C-alpha atoms as a PDB file:
ATOM      1  CA  MET A   1      12.677 -13.192 -23.304  1.00  0.00           C
ATOM      2  CA  THR A   2      10.621 -10.076 -22.691  1.00  0.00           C
ATOM      3  CA  GLY A   3       9.854  -8.276 -19.096  1.00  0.00           C
ATOM      4  CA  GLY A   4       7.187  -9.861 -17.024  1.00  0.00           C
ATOM      5  CA  VAL A   5       4.927  -8.356 -14.398  1.00  0.00           C
ATOM      6  CA  ARG A   6       5.745  -8.914 -10.862  1.00  0.00           C
ATOM      7  CA  LEU A   7       2.803 -10.060  -9.017  1.00  0.00           C
ATOM      8  CA  ASP A   8       4.264  -9.045  -5.589  1.00  0.00           C
ATOM      9  CA  LEU A   9       4.657  -5.634  -6.400  1.00  0.00           C
ATOM     10  CA  LEU A  10       1.456  -5.749  -8.603  1.00  0.00           C
ATOM     11  CA  ILE A  11      -0.563  -6.681  -5.344  1.00  0.00           C
ATOM     12  CA  LEU A  12       1.164  -4.774  -2.831  1.00  0.00           C
ATOM     13  CA  GLU A  13       0.197  -1.286  -4.994  1.00  0.00           C
ATOM     14  CA  CYS A  14      -4.015  -2.478  -5.045  1.00  0.00           C
ATOM     15  CA  VAL A  15      -3.677  -2.628  -1.308  1.00  0.00           C
ATOM     16  CA  GLY A  16      -1.764   0.055  -0.762  1.00  0.00           C
ATOM     17  CA  GLN A  17      -4.428   2.178  -3.553  1.00  0.00           C
ATOM     18  CA  VAL A  18      -7.169   0.967  -1.107  1.00  0.00           C
ATOM     19  CA  VAL A  19      -5.792   1.470   2.131  1.00  0.00           C
ATOM     20  CA  LYS A  20      -5.019   5.307   1.032  1.00  0.00           C
ATOM     21  CA  THR A  21      -8.312   6.072  -0.708  1.00  0.00           C
ATOM     22  CA  CYS A  22     -10.754   3.847   1.902  1.00  0.00           C
ATOM     23  CA  VAL A  23      -8.872   3.155   4.980  1.00  0.00           C
ATOM     24  CA  GLU A  24      -6.792   6.720   5.844  1.00  0.00           C
ATOM     25  CA  PRO A  25      -9.257   9.186   5.296  1.00  0.00           C
ATOM     26  CA  ARG A  26     -12.032   7.344   7.620  1.00  0.00           C
ATOM     27  CA  CYS A  27      -9.044   7.377  10.031  1.00  0.00           C
ATOM     28  CA  LYS A  28      -8.705  10.787   9.928  1.00  0.00           C
ATOM     29  CA  ASP A  29      -5.877  10.538   7.131  1.00  0.00           C
ATOM     30  CA  MET A  30      -3.457   8.810   9.514  1.00  0.00           C
ATOM     31  CA  PRO A  31      -0.508   7.718   7.616  1.00  0.00           C
ATOM     32  CA  ILE A  32      -1.108   3.912   7.902  1.00  0.00           C
ATOM     33  CA  TRP A  33       0.549   2.597   4.287  1.00  0.00           C
ATOM     34  CA  ASP A  34       3.796   5.061   4.446  1.00  0.00           C
ATOM     35  CA  GLY A  35       4.020   4.643   8.400  1.00  0.00           C
ATOM     36  CA  GLY A  36       4.894   0.816   8.027  1.00  0.00           C
ATOM     37  CA  LEU A  37       1.871  -0.791   6.992  1.00  0.00           C
ATOM     38  CA  ARG A  38       3.496  -1.463   3.218  1.00  0.00           C
ATOM     39  CA  ASP A  39       6.348  -3.297   4.915  1.00  0.00           C
ATOM     40  CA  VAL A  40       4.026  -5.722   6.810  1.00  0.00           C
ATOM     41  CA  MET A  41       2.207  -6.369   3.523  1.00  0.00           C
ATOM     42  CA  ALA A  42       4.896  -6.846   1.732  1.00  0.00           C
ATOM     43  CA  GLU A  43       6.433  -9.531   4.135  1.00  0.00           C
ATOM     44  CA  LYS A  44       2.979 -11.101   4.613  1.00  0.00           C
ATOM     45  CA  LEU A  45       3.458 -11.897   0.896  1.00  0.00           C
ATOM     46  CA  LYS A  46       6.628 -13.277   0.802  1.00  0.00           C
ATOM     47  CA  GLU A  47       5.133 -15.633   4.064  1.00  0.00           C
ATOM     48  CA  VAL A  48       2.421 -16.617   1.996  1.00  0.00           C
ATOM     49  CA  GLY A  49       4.160 -17.356  -1.147  1.00  0.00           C
ATOM     50  CA  ILE A  50       4.155 -14.662  -3.741  1.00  0.00           C
ATOM     51  CA  SER A  51       6.817 -14.786  -5.765  1.00  0.00           C
ATOM     52  CA  SER A  52       8.987 -11.606  -6.260  1.00  0.00           C
ATOM     53  CA  GLU A  53      10.466 -13.247 -10.048  1.00  0.00           C
ATOM     54  CA  PRO A  54       8.494 -11.568 -13.015  1.00  0.00           C
ATOM     55  CA  VAL A  55       5.652 -13.667 -14.781  1.00  0.00           C
ATOM     56  CA  THR A  56       5.628 -13.399 -18.288  1.00  0.00           C
ATOM     57  CA  ILE A  57       3.216 -14.615 -20.631  1.00  0.00           C
ATOM     58  CA  VAL A  58       5.180 -17.946 -21.545  1.00  0.00           C
ATOM     59  CA  HIS A  59       5.010 -18.895 -17.892  1.00  0.00           C
ATOM     60  CA  VAL A  60       1.021 -18.085 -17.745  1.00  0.00           C
ATOM     61  CA  ALA A  61       0.695 -20.163 -20.939  1.00  0.00           C
ATOM     62  CA  ARG A  62       2.448 -23.128 -19.086  1.00  0.00           C
ATOM     63  CA  ALA A  63       0.284 -22.860 -16.242  1.00  0.00           C
ATOM     64  CA  VAL A  64      -2.813 -23.239 -17.913  1.00  0.00           C
ATOM     65  CA  GLY A  65      -1.265 -26.074 -20.400  1.00  0.00           C
ATOM     66  CA  ILE A  66      -1.138 -24.341 -23.733  1.00  0.00           C
ATOM     67  CA  LEU A  67       2.635 -24.782 -24.024  1.00  0.00           C
ATOM     68  CA  GLY A  68       4.076 -27.846 -22.348  1.00  0.00           C
ATOM     69  CA  PRO A  69       7.018 -28.295 -20.202  1.00  0.00           C
ATOM     70  CA  ASP A  70      10.027 -25.872 -20.081  1.00  0.00           C
ATOM     71  CA  PRO A  71      12.563 -27.876 -22.197  1.00  0.00           C
ATOM     72  CA  ASP A  72      15.508 -26.293 -20.444  1.00  0.00           C
ATOM     73  CA  VAL A  73      14.033 -27.651 -17.078  1.00  0.00           C
ATOM     74  CA  ILE A  74      15.371 -30.939 -16.182  1.00  0.00           C
ATOM     75  CA  VAL A  75      12.718 -32.607 -13.544  1.00  0.00           C
ATOM     76  CA  VAL A  76      14.670 -35.749 -11.628  1.00  0.00           C
ATOM     77  CA  ASN A  77      11.781 -37.595  -9.428  1.00  0.00           C
ATOM     78  CA  PRO A  78      13.231 -38.655  -6.460  1.00  0.00           C
ATOM     79  CA  PRO A  79      13.299 -43.313  -6.560  1.00  0.00           C
ATOM     80  CA  ARG A  80      10.535 -44.878  -5.228  1.00  0.00           C
ATOM     81  CA  LYS A  81      10.540 -46.869  -1.700  1.00  0.00           C
ATOM     82  CA  ARG A  82      10.218 -50.652  -2.366  1.00  0.00           C
ATOM     83  CA  ARG A  83       7.815 -52.195  -0.203  1.00  0.00           C
ATOM     84  CA  VAL A  84       9.669 -55.163   1.761  1.00  0.00           C
ATOM     85  CA  PRO A  85       6.623 -57.946   1.343  1.00  0.00           C
ATOM     86  CA  ARG A  86       6.222 -59.539   5.445  1.00  0.00           C
ATOM     87  CA  VAL A  87       6.971 -62.889   6.307  1.00  0.00           C
END
């Protein structure tokens, strides 16, 4: 399978460019991004559930419904609890 795109790194770089071009010049060129905000944002992305696994075009096609479920993945559903009738 071909390589994919790591969404966490893509988002991190986009936020970094915004901070470096818009925020830092207004703060007298204080190195906010390189001074620690990058690490904070990386942890926040993990916290909100952005995966660090590469996303391929096949993953996207499965998510939007073009392809069916992955045949190599076995999905096991837990058994349902039986309702006991009241007497």
